[in-house]
Amino acid sequence: MRFIAFITFLISSVGALAVAVTRDNICFDPKKGVCMGYNADAVNATLAIKDACAKVPRCTPGGIADRPRVTGKVKGFPYTATLGVGNQCGGVTSWSVDACVGLFNQFVDDRCELQYPAGADKYQLGYETSTCDGSFVSFNFGG
């Protein structure tokens, strides 16, 4: 009986923690992205994403609007990272390649991993458009 009470307490505690977690970036709505249900090699995916992110070396919120989308690819790897950055920098206040990669990780890989678990060595295919400025992150087929 005590074991069941402990399990019930543990489950309710985890639920309370999940509610207490806040998102730093409110520019993207995690309910609005699309997950493809496929995945690719995480090492090459990260290289493609870094390639796309390096093509937008800086962004200041309130600055340039309507930048063209850029892509990142790895030769021989049949997937492409696509990045569009709006005038609010996709909700990133201090832009860098690492912060950009973080957008892909949070709003494509992490979100889609919840729907289609594949493991840390795989990178999920999906995309999302931000609600605040139209920024766009996509990792998808095509290389």
N, C-alpha and C. Protein backbone atom coordinates (compact mmCIF):
# COMPACT_ATOMS: atom_id res chain seq x y z
N MET A 1 0.82 -1.19 0.00
CA MET A 1 0.00 0.00 0.00
C MET A 1 0.87 1.26 0.00
N ARG A 2 1.95 1.22 0.80
CA ARG A 2 2.85 2.38 0.83
C ARG A 2 3.50 2.59 -0.53
N PHE A 3 3.80 1.51 -1.20
CA PHE A 3 4.42 1.61 -2.52
C PHE A 3 3.51 2.35 -3.50
N ILE A 4 2.24 2.03 -3.50
CA ILE A 4 1.28 2.69 -4.38
C ILE A 4 1.17 4.17 -4.02
N ALA A 5 1.16 4.48 -2.74
CA ALA A 5 1.10 5.88 -2.31
C ALA A 5 2.35 6.63 -2.77
N PHE A 6 3.51 5.97 -2.67
CA PHE A 6 4.76 6.59 -3.11
C PHE A 6 4.74 6.85 -4.61
N ILE A 7 4.30 5.87 -5.38
CA ILE A 7 4.23 6.03 -6.84
C ILE A 7 3.27 7.17 -7.20
N THR A 8 2.13 7.23 -6.54
CA THR A 8 1.17 8.30 -6.79
C THR A 8 1.79 9.66 -6.49
N PHE A 9 2.51 9.76 -5.37
CA PHE A 9 3.18 11.01 -5.00
C PHE A 9 4.23 11.37 -6.04
N LEU A 10 5.01 10.39 -6.46
CA LEU A 10 6.07 10.63 -7.44
C LEU A 10 5.49 11.14 -8.76
N ILE A 11 4.44 10.53 -9.23
CA ILE A 11 3.81 10.94 -10.49
C ILE A 11 3.25 12.35 -10.37
N SER A 12 2.59 12.66 -9.27
CA SER A 12 2.04 14.01 -9.11
C SER A 12 3.14 15.05 -8.98
N SER A 13 4.27 14.69 -8.39
CA SER A 13 5.40 15.63 -8.27
C SER A 13 5.99 15.94 -9.64
N VAL A 14 6.17 14.93 -10.46
CA VAL A 14 6.71 15.13 -11.80
C VAL A 14 5.76 16.00 -12.61
N GLY A 15 4.47 15.77 -12.49
CA GLY A 15 3.50 16.61 -13.20
C GLY A 15 3.58 18.06 -12.76
N ALA A 16 3.77 18.29 -11.48
CA ALA A 16 3.89 19.67 -10.97
C ALA A 16 5.15 20.32 -11.50
N LEU A 17 6.24 19.57 -11.60
CA LEU A 17 7.48 20.12 -12.16
C LEU A 17 7.30 20.49 -13.62
N ALA A 18 6.61 19.67 -14.36
CA ALA A 18 6.40 19.95 -15.78
C ALA A 18 5.62 21.24 -15.97
N VAL A 19 4.67 21.50 -15.10
CA VAL A 19 3.88 22.73 -15.20
C VAL A 19 4.73 23.94 -14.82
N ALA A 20 5.69 23.76 -13.89
CA ALA A 20 6.50 24.87 -13.41
C ALA A 20 7.57 25.30 -14.41
N VAL A 21 7.91 24.45 -15.36
CA VAL A 21 8.95 24.79 -16.33
C VAL A 21 8.44 25.87 -17.27
N THR A 22 9.24 26.90 -17.49
CA THR A 22 8.85 27.97 -18.40
C THR A 22 9.76 27.95 -19.62
N ARG A 23 9.24 28.42 -20.72
CA ARG A 23 10.03 28.50 -21.94
C ARG A 23 10.71 29.86 -21.99
N ASP A 24 11.97 29.88 -22.37
CA ASP A 24 12.70 31.13 -22.53
C ASP A 24 12.25 31.84 -23.80
N ASN A 25 12.02 31.10 -24.85
CA ASN A 25 11.68 31.68 -26.14
C ASN A 25 10.19 31.51 -26.39
N ILE A 26 9.47 32.61 -26.33
CA ILE A 26 8.02 32.55 -26.55
C ILE A 26 7.65 32.93 -27.98
N CYS A 27 8.65 33.10 -28.81
CA CYS A 27 8.41 33.48 -30.21
C CYS A 27 7.85 32.29 -31.01
N PHE A 28 8.24 31.09 -30.65
CA PHE A 28 7.76 29.89 -31.32
C PHE A 28 6.71 29.23 -30.45
N ASP A 29 5.68 28.69 -31.05
CA ASP A 29 4.64 27.96 -30.35
C ASP A 29 4.88 26.47 -30.61
N PRO A 30 5.34 25.72 -29.59
CA PRO A 30 5.68 24.32 -29.81
C PRO A 30 4.52 23.45 -30.29
N LYS A 31 3.30 23.96 -30.23
CA LYS A 31 2.15 23.19 -30.71
C LYS A 31 1.93 23.38 -32.20
N LYS A 32 2.64 24.31 -32.83
CA LYS A 32 2.36 24.63 -34.23
C LYS A 32 3.36 24.07 -35.22
N GLY A 33 4.40 23.44 -34.77
CA GLY A 33 5.39 22.88 -35.69
C GLY A 33 4.91 21.58 -36.30
N VAL A 34 5.65 21.14 -37.29
CA VAL A 34 5.32 19.89 -37.99
C VAL A 34 6.49 18.93 -37.84
N CYS A 35 6.19 17.72 -37.43
CA CYS A 35 7.18 16.65 -37.32
C CYS A 35 6.91 15.64 -38.42
N MET A 36 7.95 15.25 -39.13
CA MET A 36 7.79 14.38 -40.28
C MET A 36 7.70 12.90 -39.90
N GLY A 37 8.21 12.54 -38.74
CA GLY A 37 8.21 11.13 -38.35
C GLY A 37 9.41 10.38 -38.89
N TYR A 38 10.39 11.11 -39.41
CA TYR A 38 11.63 10.53 -39.91
C TYR A 38 12.79 11.19 -39.20
N ASN A 39 13.97 10.56 -39.30
CA ASN A 39 15.14 11.14 -38.66
C ASN A 39 16.38 10.85 -39.49
N ALA A 40 17.46 11.52 -39.15
CA ALA A 40 18.72 11.39 -39.88
C ALA A 40 19.87 11.35 -38.88
N ASP A 41 21.04 11.06 -39.38
CA ASP A 41 22.25 11.05 -38.57
C ASP A 41 22.45 12.42 -37.90
N ALA A 42 22.57 12.43 -36.58
CA ALA A 42 22.64 13.68 -35.83
C ALA A 42 23.92 14.47 -36.10
N VAL A 43 25.03 13.80 -36.33
CA VAL A 43 26.29 14.52 -36.57
C VAL A 43 26.20 15.33 -37.85
N ASN A 44 25.79 14.70 -38.93
CA ASN A 44 25.66 15.42 -40.20
C ASN A 44 24.54 16.45 -40.16
N ALA A 45 23.47 16.15 -39.45
CA ALA A 45 22.38 17.12 -39.31
C ALA A 45 22.89 18.39 -38.64
N THR A 46 23.66 18.22 -37.58
CA THR A 46 24.20 19.38 -36.87
C THR A 46 25.15 20.18 -37.75
N LEU A 47 25.94 19.49 -38.57
CA LEU A 47 26.83 20.21 -39.50
C LEU A 47 26.02 21.03 -40.50
N ALA A 48 24.95 20.46 -41.03
CA ALA A 48 24.10 21.18 -41.99
C ALA A 48 23.44 22.39 -41.31
N ILE A 49 22.99 22.20 -40.09
CA ILE A 49 22.34 23.29 -39.34
C ILE A 49 23.35 24.40 -39.05
N LYS A 50 24.56 24.04 -38.63
CA LYS A 50 25.59 25.05 -38.38
C LYS A 50 25.94 25.80 -39.66
N ASP A 51 25.93 25.10 -40.79
CA ASP A 51 26.20 25.74 -42.07
C ASP A 51 25.14 26.80 -42.37
N ALA A 52 23.89 26.48 -42.15
CA ALA A 52 22.82 27.46 -42.37
C ALA A 52 22.95 28.62 -41.38
N CYS A 53 23.18 28.32 -40.13
CA CYS A 53 23.27 29.36 -39.10
C CYS A 53 24.44 30.30 -39.34
N ALA A 54 25.55 29.78 -39.85
CA ALA A 54 26.72 30.62 -40.13
C ALA A 54 26.45 31.65 -41.22
N LYS A 55 25.43 31.42 -42.02
CA LYS A 55 25.08 32.36 -43.10
C LYS A 55 24.30 33.57 -42.58
N VAL A 56 23.93 33.54 -41.32
CA VAL A 56 23.29 34.70 -40.67
C VAL A 56 24.16 35.01 -39.44
N PRO A 57 25.28 35.71 -39.65
CA PRO A 57 26.24 35.90 -38.56
C PRO A 57 25.76 36.78 -37.42
N ARG A 58 24.80 37.66 -37.68
CA ARG A 58 24.30 38.52 -36.60
C ARG A 58 22.83 38.86 -36.83
N CYS A 59 22.18 39.15 -35.73
CA CYS A 59 20.79 39.58 -35.77
C CYS A 59 20.52 40.38 -34.51
N THR A 60 19.92 41.53 -34.67
CA THR A 60 19.53 42.37 -33.55
C THR A 60 18.01 42.52 -33.58
N PRO A 61 17.34 42.13 -32.49
CA PRO A 61 15.88 42.28 -32.48
C PRO A 61 15.46 43.71 -32.83
N GLY A 62 14.49 43.80 -33.72
CA GLY A 62 14.02 45.10 -34.19
C GLY A 62 14.80 45.60 -35.39
N GLY A 63 15.77 44.82 -35.82
CA GLY A 63 16.63 45.23 -36.94
C GLY A 63 16.07 44.83 -38.28
N ILE A 64 16.89 44.20 -39.09
CA ILE A 64 16.56 43.85 -40.47
C ILE A 64 15.34 42.94 -40.53
N ALA A 65 14.42 43.29 -41.40
CA ALA A 65 13.25 42.44 -41.65
C ALA A 65 13.38 41.81 -43.03
N ASP A 66 12.68 40.75 -43.24
CA ASP A 66 12.60 40.09 -44.55
C ASP A 66 13.95 39.65 -45.11
N ARG A 67 14.77 39.04 -44.27
CA ARG A 67 16.01 38.43 -44.78
C ARG A 67 15.60 37.24 -45.64
N PRO A 68 16.35 36.94 -46.67
CA PRO A 68 16.04 35.74 -47.45
C PRO A 68 16.38 34.49 -46.64
N ARG A 69 15.68 33.42 -46.90
CA ARG A 69 15.99 32.15 -46.24
C ARG A 69 17.33 31.64 -46.75
N VAL A 70 18.05 30.97 -45.87
CA VAL A 70 19.34 30.38 -46.22
C VAL A 70 19.26 28.88 -45.94
N THR A 71 20.13 28.14 -46.59
CA THR A 71 20.16 26.69 -46.39
C THR A 71 21.55 26.24 -45.99
N GLY A 72 21.58 25.12 -45.32
CA GLY A 72 22.83 24.48 -44.94
C GLY A 72 22.80 23.04 -45.39
N LYS A 73 23.91 22.61 -45.98
CA LYS A 73 23.99 21.25 -46.52
C LYS A 73 25.34 20.64 -46.21
N VAL A 74 25.39 19.33 -46.27
CA VAL A 74 26.62 18.57 -46.17
C VAL A 74 26.69 17.70 -47.41
N LYS A 75 27.80 17.79 -48.14
CA LYS A 75 27.94 17.04 -49.39
C LYS A 75 27.70 15.54 -49.15
N GLY A 76 26.83 14.97 -49.97
CA GLY A 76 26.51 13.55 -49.88
C GLY A 76 25.46 13.20 -48.83
N PHE A 77 25.00 14.18 -48.09
CA PHE A 77 23.99 13.97 -47.04
C PHE A 77 22.66 14.47 -47.59
N PRO A 78 21.65 13.60 -47.70
CA PRO A 78 20.42 13.96 -48.44
C PRO A 78 19.39 14.79 -47.66
N TYR A 79 19.86 15.65 -46.77
CA TYR A 79 18.96 16.49 -45.98
C TYR A 79 19.46 17.93 -45.99
N THR A 80 18.55 18.86 -45.75
CA THR A 80 18.89 20.28 -45.79
C THR A 80 18.33 20.99 -44.56
N ALA A 81 19.13 21.87 -43.99
CA ALA A 81 18.66 22.77 -42.94
C ALA A 81 18.29 24.08 -43.61
N THR A 82 17.11 24.59 -43.31
CA THR A 82 16.66 25.87 -43.87
C THR A 82 16.36 26.82 -42.71
N LEU A 83 16.84 28.05 -42.85
CA LEU A 83 16.68 29.04 -41.80
C LEU A 83 16.17 30.35 -42.39
N GLY A 84 15.13 30.86 -41.80
CA GLY A 84 14.64 32.20 -42.11
C GLY A 84 14.61 32.98 -40.81
N VAL A 85 15.19 34.17 -40.80
CA VAL A 85 15.27 34.96 -39.57
C VAL A 85 14.48 36.25 -39.74
N GLY A 86 13.49 36.45 -38.89
CA GLY A 86 12.67 37.66 -38.93
C GLY A 86 13.27 38.80 -38.14
N ASN A 87 12.53 39.89 -38.05
CA ASN A 87 13.07 41.10 -37.41
C ASN A 87 13.16 41.00 -35.88
N GLN A 88 12.62 39.95 -35.29
CA GLN A 88 12.78 39.72 -33.85
C GLN A 88 13.76 38.58 -33.58
N CYS A 89 14.49 38.18 -34.60
CA CYS A 89 15.54 37.15 -34.48
C CYS A 89 14.99 35.83 -33.94
N GLY A 90 13.74 35.54 -34.23
CA GLY A 90 13.14 34.29 -33.77
C GLY A 90 13.07 34.20 -32.25
N GLY A 91 13.06 35.35 -31.58
CA GLY A 91 12.98 35.35 -30.12
C GLY A 91 14.33 35.23 -29.42
N VAL A 92 15.42 35.24 -30.19
CA VAL A 92 16.76 35.14 -29.62
C VAL A 92 17.27 36.56 -29.34
N THR A 93 17.62 36.83 -28.10
CA THR A 93 18.08 38.19 -27.76
C THR A 93 19.56 38.39 -28.01
N SER A 94 20.35 37.34 -27.92
CA SER A 94 21.79 37.43 -28.17
C SER A 94 22.15 36.41 -29.25
N TRP A 95 22.13 36.85 -30.49
CA TRP A 95 22.29 35.96 -31.64
C TRP A 95 23.72 35.45 -31.77
N SER A 96 23.84 34.18 -32.07
CA SER A 96 25.12 33.54 -32.37
C SER A 96 24.80 32.25 -33.11
N VAL A 97 25.83 31.64 -33.67
CA VAL A 97 25.60 30.35 -34.34
C VAL A 97 25.05 29.35 -33.34
N ASP A 98 25.59 29.33 -32.13
CA ASP A 98 25.11 28.39 -31.11
C ASP A 98 23.65 28.65 -30.74
N ALA A 99 23.28 29.93 -30.62
CA ALA A 99 21.88 30.26 -30.31
C ALA A 99 20.96 29.83 -31.45
N CYS A 100 21.43 29.99 -32.67
CA CYS A 100 20.67 29.57 -33.85
C CYS A 100 20.48 28.05 -33.86
N VAL A 101 21.57 27.33 -33.61
CA VAL A 101 21.48 25.86 -33.53
C VAL A 101 20.49 25.47 -32.44
N GLY A 102 20.48 26.24 -31.35
CA GLY A 102 19.54 25.98 -30.26
C GLY A 102 18.09 26.07 -30.70
N LEU A 103 17.79 27.00 -31.63
CA LEU A 103 16.42 27.09 -32.16
C LEU A 103 16.03 25.79 -32.86
N PHE A 104 16.93 25.27 -33.70
CA PHE A 104 16.67 24.00 -34.40
C PHE A 104 16.50 22.88 -33.38
N ASN A 105 17.40 22.83 -32.40
CA ASN A 105 17.33 21.76 -31.41
C ASN A 105 16.03 21.79 -30.63
N GLN A 106 15.66 22.97 -30.16
CA GLN A 106 14.46 23.08 -29.32
C GLN A 106 13.17 22.90 -30.10
N PHE A 107 13.09 23.53 -31.26
CA PHE A 107 11.80 23.58 -31.95
C PHE A 107 11.65 22.59 -33.10
N VAL A 108 12.71 21.85 -33.40
CA VAL A 108 12.58 20.75 -34.36
C VAL A 108 12.93 19.44 -33.65
N ASP A 109 14.20 19.24 -33.31
CA ASP A 109 14.63 17.94 -32.80
C ASP A 109 13.98 17.57 -31.46
N ASP A 110 14.08 18.43 -30.47
CA ASP A 110 13.53 18.08 -29.15
C ASP A 110 12.02 17.88 -29.20
N ARG A 111 11.33 18.78 -29.89
CA ARG A 111 9.87 18.70 -29.97
C ARG A 111 9.45 17.43 -30.70
N CYS A 112 10.10 17.15 -31.82
CA CYS A 112 9.72 15.97 -32.61
C CYS A 112 10.17 14.67 -31.95
N GLU A 113 11.23 14.72 -31.17
CA GLU A 113 11.68 13.54 -30.45
C GLU A 113 10.60 13.06 -29.47
N LEU A 114 9.82 13.99 -28.94
CA LEU A 114 8.73 13.61 -28.04
C LEU A 114 7.65 12.82 -28.78
N GLN A 115 7.42 13.16 -30.04
CA GLN A 115 6.41 12.45 -30.84
C GLN A 115 6.93 11.15 -31.43
N TYR A 116 8.18 11.18 -31.89
CA TYR A 116 8.76 10.03 -32.59
C TYR A 116 10.13 9.71 -32.01
N PRO A 117 10.20 9.12 -30.83
CA PRO A 117 11.49 8.86 -30.19
C PRO A 117 12.42 8.04 -31.08
N ALA A 118 13.66 8.53 -31.24
CA ALA A 118 14.63 7.84 -32.08
C ALA A 118 16.00 7.73 -31.43
N GLY A 119 16.27 8.49 -30.39
CA GLY A 119 17.55 8.43 -29.71
C GLY A 119 18.45 9.60 -30.04
N ALA A 120 19.49 9.75 -29.22
CA ALA A 120 20.39 10.91 -29.33
C ALA A 120 21.24 10.92 -30.59
N ASP A 121 21.46 9.75 -31.19
CA ASP A 121 22.30 9.71 -32.40
C ASP A 121 21.52 10.04 -33.67
N LYS A 122 20.24 10.33 -33.52
CA LYS A 122 19.38 10.69 -34.67
C LYS A 122 18.84 12.10 -34.48
N TYR A 123 18.62 12.79 -35.60
CA TYR A 123 18.07 14.14 -35.58
C TYR A 123 16.73 14.10 -36.30
N GLN A 124 15.71 14.63 -35.66
CA GLN A 124 14.36 14.57 -36.19
C GLN A 124 14.17 15.52 -37.38
N LEU A 125 13.35 15.11 -38.33
CA LEU A 125 12.97 15.97 -39.44
C LEU A 125 11.68 16.69 -39.09
N GLY A 126 11.66 17.99 -39.36
CA GLY A 126 10.48 18.78 -39.07
C GLY A 126 10.74 20.24 -39.35
N TYR A 127 9.73 21.06 -39.09
CA TYR A 127 9.89 22.50 -39.29
C TYR A 127 8.89 23.26 -38.43
N GLU A 128 9.20 24.53 -38.23
CA GLU A 128 8.29 25.40 -37.49
C GLU A 128 8.53 26.85 -37.89
N THR A 129 7.44 27.61 -37.93
CA THR A 129 7.48 29.05 -38.19
C THR A 129 7.11 29.77 -36.91
N SER A 130 7.89 30.79 -36.55
CA SER A 130 7.60 31.53 -35.31
C SER A 130 6.35 32.37 -35.48
N THR A 131 5.68 32.59 -34.37
CA THR A 131 4.47 33.41 -34.39
C THR A 131 4.78 34.89 -34.25
N CYS A 132 5.98 35.24 -33.75
CA CYS A 132 6.27 36.66 -33.48
C CYS A 132 6.82 37.41 -34.69
N ASP A 133 7.56 36.72 -35.56
CA ASP A 133 8.19 37.45 -36.67
C ASP A 133 8.35 36.63 -37.95
N GLY A 134 7.79 35.45 -37.98
CA GLY A 134 7.87 34.63 -39.18
C GLY A 134 9.20 33.92 -39.36
N SER A 135 10.06 33.92 -38.34
CA SER A 135 11.31 33.15 -38.44
C SER A 135 10.95 31.69 -38.70
N PHE A 136 11.85 30.99 -39.38
CA PHE A 136 11.55 29.64 -39.83
C PHE A 136 12.76 28.76 -39.63
N VAL A 137 12.57 27.59 -39.01
CA VAL A 137 13.62 26.58 -38.88
C VAL A 137 13.08 25.28 -39.45
N SER A 138 13.89 24.64 -40.29
CA SER A 138 13.48 23.39 -40.91
C SER A 138 14.68 22.50 -41.10
N PHE A 139 14.51 21.24 -40.76
CA PHE A 139 15.49 20.22 -41.13
C PHE A 139 14.68 19.15 -41.84
N ASN A 140 14.99 18.93 -43.13
CA ASN A 140 14.10 18.12 -43.93
C ASN A 140 14.83 17.44 -45.08
N PHE A 141 14.08 16.66 -45.86
CA PHE A 141 14.61 15.96 -47.02
C PHE A 141 15.14 16.96 -48.05
N GLY A 142 16.07 16.52 -48.83
CA GLY A 142 16.61 17.34 -49.91
C GLY A 142 18.04 17.73 -49.61
N GLY A 143 18.93 17.44 -50.50
CA GLY A 143 20.32 17.78 -50.24
C GLY A 143 21.00 18.09 -51.46
